Amino acid sequence: MSKDIYIFKRIEKKYRISLTDKENLLSEISDKLIPDSHGKSRIFSLYLDTPDYRLIRASIEAKTYKEKLRLRCYGIPNDDSKVFFEIKKKFKGVVYKRRVAMTLTDAKNYIYNGRNPEDSQIMREIDYAMKFYNHPAPSMLITYDREAYYLKDAQYVRITFDSNIKYQLGELFYENGSGKQILSDDKCILEIKTDGAMPLWLSHALDKYEILPSSFSKYGTAYREMLTNVPEPILV
């Protein structure tokens, strides 16, 4: 398999927590963590959708199956930088994510001109979804600061903290990181990604600080926020 092709299958649990809870939890478990390859980073996720936001509407309404298409990068890229074209599916609580690395130039050429950058199983899956949804275009850029770790004794478990989450609309390829904030400054999103098994000591740490799961979709939350800010039509 190409080193630029990535496949993930995992259970993801999210928790909306205070920064105080974050510091308490890190203090409790820091000796069991190692930073992942990106460590602390600024993430830019550009979601593709139809003009009527068909993908995110279907995701919000879905009970068992959700699907998203996006480009992701770590820090602001130039045209020659590596970005990840991702298709993310969730079925009955299990997340399946497939992504292909390419340059930002190749991503633009594929989205706008249909020039497929490579022939691979994952790229064919992405291409099928793009055609199925009638070639969705960049619709929303979501940016946030991420702090990411693996567990020393169970590296199949990944823990991330996301804060300063913002969104902006339009055909934006990471030109800037401004936007409207969708989570208050005193909160962050804790996400625990596993193969289904969470170490008992981690469960005990969450219980100690009364940290409970809370559903949160960055794109879904931003979409709802966008709808509340749509101006009323002017009647004449």
Protein backbone atom coordinates (compact mmCIF):
# COMPACT_ATOMS: atom_id res chain seq x y z
CA MET A 1 0.00 0.00 0.00
CA SER A 2 1.29 3.49 -0.82
CA LYS A 3 2.63 5.44 2.15
CA ASP A 4 0.35 8.28 1.06
CA ILE A 5 -2.82 6.20 1.54
CA TYR A 6 -4.33 5.91 5.00
CA ILE A 7 -7.17 3.75 6.34
CA PHE A 8 -8.74 4.09 9.79
CA LYS A 9 -11.47 2.09 11.49
CA ARG A 10 -12.29 3.07 15.05
CA ILE A 11 -14.74 4.09 17.73
CA GLU A 12 -14.72 7.82 18.48
CA LYS A 13 -16.14 9.26 21.70
CA LYS A 14 -16.42 13.01 22.15
CA TYR A 15 -16.69 15.07 25.32
CA ARG A 16 -17.38 18.81 25.60
CA ILE A 17 -15.30 19.83 28.62
CA SER A 18 -14.00 22.92 30.40
CA LEU A 19 -10.35 23.90 30.20
CA THR A 20 -10.17 23.18 33.94
CA ASP A 21 -11.35 19.61 33.30
CA LYS A 22 -8.74 19.32 30.56
CA GLU A 23 -5.92 20.39 32.88
CA ASN A 24 -7.15 18.08 35.64
CA LEU A 25 -7.35 15.12 33.29
CA LEU A 26 -3.91 15.76 31.78
CA SER A 27 -2.43 16.09 35.25
CA GLU A 28 -3.98 12.72 36.15
CA ILE A 29 -2.82 10.79 33.08
CA SER A 30 0.14 12.72 31.61
CA ASP A 31 2.65 10.03 32.64
CA LYS A 32 0.79 7.56 30.41
CA LEU A 33 0.76 9.77 27.28
CA ILE A 34 3.12 10.42 24.40
CA PRO A 35 2.54 13.25 21.87
CA ASP A 36 1.61 12.01 18.40
CA SER A 37 3.53 13.01 15.28
CA HIS A 38 1.66 16.32 14.94
CA GLY A 39 1.65 17.15 18.66
CA LYS A 40 0.18 20.64 19.00
CA SER A 41 -1.00 21.88 15.62
CA ARG A 42 -3.43 24.14 13.82
CA ILE A 43 -5.81 22.05 11.70
CA PHE A 44 -7.62 23.28 8.61
CA SER A 45 -10.53 21.16 7.35
CA LEU A 46 -12.24 22.22 4.14
CA TYR A 47 -15.59 20.46 3.73
CA LEU A 48 -17.06 19.75 0.31
CA ASP A 49 -20.80 19.92 -0.16
CA THR A 50 -23.57 20.67 -2.62
CA PRO A 51 -25.11 24.16 -2.94
CA ASP A 52 -28.02 23.03 -0.73
CA TYR A 53 -25.69 21.37 1.82
CA ARG A 54 -26.96 17.90 1.03
CA LEU A 55 -24.13 16.03 2.77
CA ILE A 56 -24.29 17.78 6.11
CA ARG A 57 -28.10 17.80 6.16
CA ALA A 58 -28.10 14.05 5.54
CA SER A 59 -25.47 13.58 8.25
CA ILE A 60 -27.50 15.54 10.81
CA GLU A 61 -30.69 13.65 9.98
CA ALA A 62 -29.11 10.19 9.75
CA LYS A 63 -29.60 7.58 12.44
CA THR A 64 -27.10 4.90 11.42
CA TYR A 65 -25.01 6.18 8.46
CA LYS A 66 -23.13 9.46 7.94
CA GLU A 67 -20.70 10.52 5.22
CA LYS A 68 -18.44 13.54 4.71
CA LEU A 69 -15.87 14.66 2.12
CA ARG A 70 -13.11 17.06 3.08
CA LEU A 71 -9.56 18.26 2.59
CA ARG A 72 -7.38 18.47 5.69
CA CYS A 73 -3.97 19.95 6.39
CA TYR A 74 -1.82 20.80 9.38
CA GLY A 75 -0.94 24.48 9.17
CA ILE A 76 -1.51 26.76 6.17
CA PRO A 77 -0.12 25.08 3.02
CA ASN A 78 1.16 26.51 -0.22
CA ASP A 79 0.27 24.96 -3.56
CA ASP A 80 3.07 22.39 -3.26
CA SER A 81 2.26 21.34 0.32
CA LYS A 82 0.76 17.99 1.29
CA VAL A 83 -2.96 17.92 2.05
CA PHE A 84 -5.21 14.95 2.74
CA PHE A 85 -8.33 14.26 0.69
CA GLU A 86 -10.62 12.33 3.04
CA ILE A 87 -13.85 10.43 2.87
CA LYS A 88 -15.24 9.80 6.34
CA LYS A 89 -18.11 7.42 7.01
CA LYS A 90 -19.82 6.48 10.25
CA PHE A 91 -21.99 3.38 10.47
CA LYS A 92 -23.64 2.27 13.70
CA GLY A 93 -21.12 4.17 15.79
CA VAL A 94 -18.00 2.92 13.98
CA VAL A 95 -15.96 5.46 12.02
CA TYR A 96 -14.30 4.47 8.74
CA LYS A 97 -11.91 7.08 7.40
CA ARG A 98 -9.91 6.77 4.20
CA ARG A 99 -7.60 9.46 2.93
CA VAL A 100 -5.08 10.09 0.20
CA ALA A 101 -2.20 12.56 0.43
CA MET A 102 -1.62 14.94 -2.48
CA THR A 103 -0.45 18.47 -3.13
CA LEU A 104 -2.89 21.34 -2.79
CA THR A 105 -2.48 21.97 -6.53
CA ASP A 106 -3.49 18.38 -7.30
CA ALA A 107 -6.49 18.69 -4.98
CA LYS A 108 -7.66 21.87 -6.74
CA ASN A 109 -7.21 20.29 -10.17
CA TYR A 110 -9.23 17.28 -9.10
CA ILE A 111 -12.08 19.25 -7.52
CA TYR A 112 -12.44 21.87 -10.24
CA ASN A 113 -11.14 20.10 -13.35
CA GLY A 114 -11.71 16.41 -12.61
CA ARG A 115 -8.02 15.52 -12.99
CA ASN A 116 -7.62 12.42 -10.84
CA PRO A 117 -4.17 12.56 -9.20
CA GLU A 118 -3.76 8.76 -8.91
CA ASP A 119 -5.44 5.42 -9.46
CA SER A 120 -6.00 3.72 -6.12
CA GLN A 121 -8.89 1.99 -4.40
CA ILE A 122 -9.42 4.88 -2.00
CA MET A 123 -9.22 7.48 -4.76
CA ARG A 124 -11.80 5.50 -6.73
CA GLU A 125 -14.05 5.50 -3.65
CA ILE A 126 -13.65 9.27 -3.31
CA ASP A 127 -14.29 9.71 -7.03
CA TYR A 128 -17.48 7.64 -6.80
CA ALA A 129 -18.75 9.81 -3.93
CA MET A 130 -17.87 13.01 -5.80
CA LYS A 131 -19.85 11.84 -8.83
CA PHE A 132 -22.72 10.52 -6.71
CA TYR A 133 -23.17 13.94 -5.11
CA ASN A 134 -22.76 15.72 -8.47
CA HIS A 135 -19.29 17.11 -7.77
CA PRO A 136 -19.60 18.94 -4.44
CA ALA A 137 -17.43 22.03 -4.04
CA PRO A 138 -15.65 23.64 -1.08
CA SER A 139 -18.40 25.02 1.14
CA MET A 140 -17.02 25.57 4.65
CA LEU A 141 -13.58 25.92 6.20
CA ILE A 142 -13.26 24.86 9.83
CA THR A 143 -10.10 25.62 11.78
CA TYR A 144 -9.03 24.67 15.29
CA ASP A 145 -6.06 24.10 17.55
CA ARG A 146 -5.38 20.45 18.37
CA GLU A 147 -3.31 18.82 21.09
CA ALA A 148 -2.91 15.10 20.32
CA TYR A 149 -1.55 12.09 22.21
CA TYR A 150 -1.27 8.31 22.12
CA LEU A 151 -1.21 6.06 25.15
CA LYS A 152 2.21 4.60 25.96
CA ASP A 153 0.88 1.13 26.74
CA ALA A 154 -1.96 1.11 24.20
CA GLN A 155 -1.04 3.04 21.07
CA TYR A 156 -4.31 2.06 19.44
CA VAL A 157 -5.87 4.67 21.75
CA ARG A 158 -5.54 8.30 20.65
CA ILE A 159 -6.60 11.32 22.72
CA THR A 160 -7.09 14.79 21.27
CA PHE A 161 -8.15 18.18 22.64
CA ASP A 162 -9.59 20.70 20.14
CA SER A 163 -10.09 24.38 20.98
CA ASN A 164 -10.52 27.75 19.26
CA ILE A 165 -12.90 26.15 16.75
CA LYS A 166 -14.00 28.56 13.99
CA TYR A 167 -15.74 28.38 10.62
CA GLN A 168 -16.06 30.49 7.51
CA LEU A 169 -17.95 30.05 4.27
CA GLY A 170 -16.92 30.11 0.65
CA GLU A 171 -14.39 28.56 -1.69
CA LEU A 172 -11.53 28.92 0.73
CA PHE A 173 -8.33 26.96 0.36
CA TYR A 174 -6.72 27.85 3.67
CA GLU A 175 -5.96 31.45 2.77
CA ASN A 176 -6.57 32.50 6.36
CA GLY A 177 -7.77 31.16 9.68
CA SER A 178 -10.31 33.78 10.63
CA GLY A 179 -13.98 33.04 11.08
CA LYS A 180 -16.82 32.77 13.56
CA GLN A 181 -16.15 30.86 16.77
CA ILE A 182 -18.52 27.98 17.55
CA LEU A 183 -17.20 26.99 20.99
CA SER A 184 -16.57 29.35 23.90
CA ASP A 185 -12.99 30.12 24.95
CA ASP A 186 -13.36 28.23 28.22
CA LYS A 187 -14.35 24.95 26.50
CA CYS A 188 -12.67 22.34 24.34
CA ILE A 189 -13.60 19.06 22.68
CA LEU A 190 -11.97 15.95 24.07
CA GLU A 191 -12.01 13.03 21.68
CA ILE A 192 -10.94 9.48 22.50
CA LYS A 193 -10.37 7.23 19.49
CA THR A 194 -10.03 3.49 20.08
CA ASP A 195 -10.49 0.12 18.41
CA GLY A 196 -13.40 -0.37 20.80
CA ALA A 197 -11.53 -1.05 24.05
CA MET A 198 -10.74 1.77 26.51
CA PRO A 199 -8.25 1.05 29.32
CA LEU A 200 -9.92 0.79 32.71
CA TRP A 201 -7.64 3.42 34.27
CA LEU A 202 -8.72 5.93 31.59
CA SER A 203 -12.39 5.23 32.31
CA HIS A 204 -11.70 5.78 36.02
CA ALA A 205 -9.98 9.11 35.27
CA LEU A 206 -12.99 10.28 33.26
CA ASP A 207 -15.32 9.21 36.06
CA LYS A 208 -13.22 11.00 38.67
CA TYR A 209 -13.77 14.36 36.96
CA GLU A 210 -17.33 13.53 35.90
CA ILE A 211 -16.46 13.82 32.21
CA LEU A 212 -19.39 12.45 30.23
CA PRO A 213 -19.78 11.81 26.47
CA SER A 214 -21.38 14.64 24.50
CA SER A 215 -22.17 14.45 20.79
CA PHE A 216 -20.43 17.22 18.84
CA SER A 217 -19.88 17.62 15.10
CA LYS A 218 -17.77 20.61 14.08
CA TYR A 219 -19.30 20.81 10.61
CA GLY A 220 -22.81 20.10 11.91
CA THR A 221 -22.50 22.73 14.66
CA ALA A 222 -21.12 25.30 12.21
CA TYR A 223 -23.93 24.55 9.75
CA ARG A 224 -26.58 25.11 12.42
CA GLU A 225 -24.80 28.30 13.50
CA MET A 226 -24.77 29.47 9.88
CA LEU A 227 -28.53 28.94 9.62
CA THR A 228 -29.19 31.09 12.68
CA ASN A 229 -27.25 33.94 11.10
CA VAL A 230 -28.97 33.91 7.70
CA PRO A 231 -30.64 37.33 7.33
CA GLU A 232 -34.40 37.50 6.93
CA PRO A 233 -35.48 38.24 3.34
CA ILE A 234 -36.55 41.82 2.64
CA LEU A 235 -40.17 41.91 1.49
CA VAL A 236 -41.14 44.69 -0.92
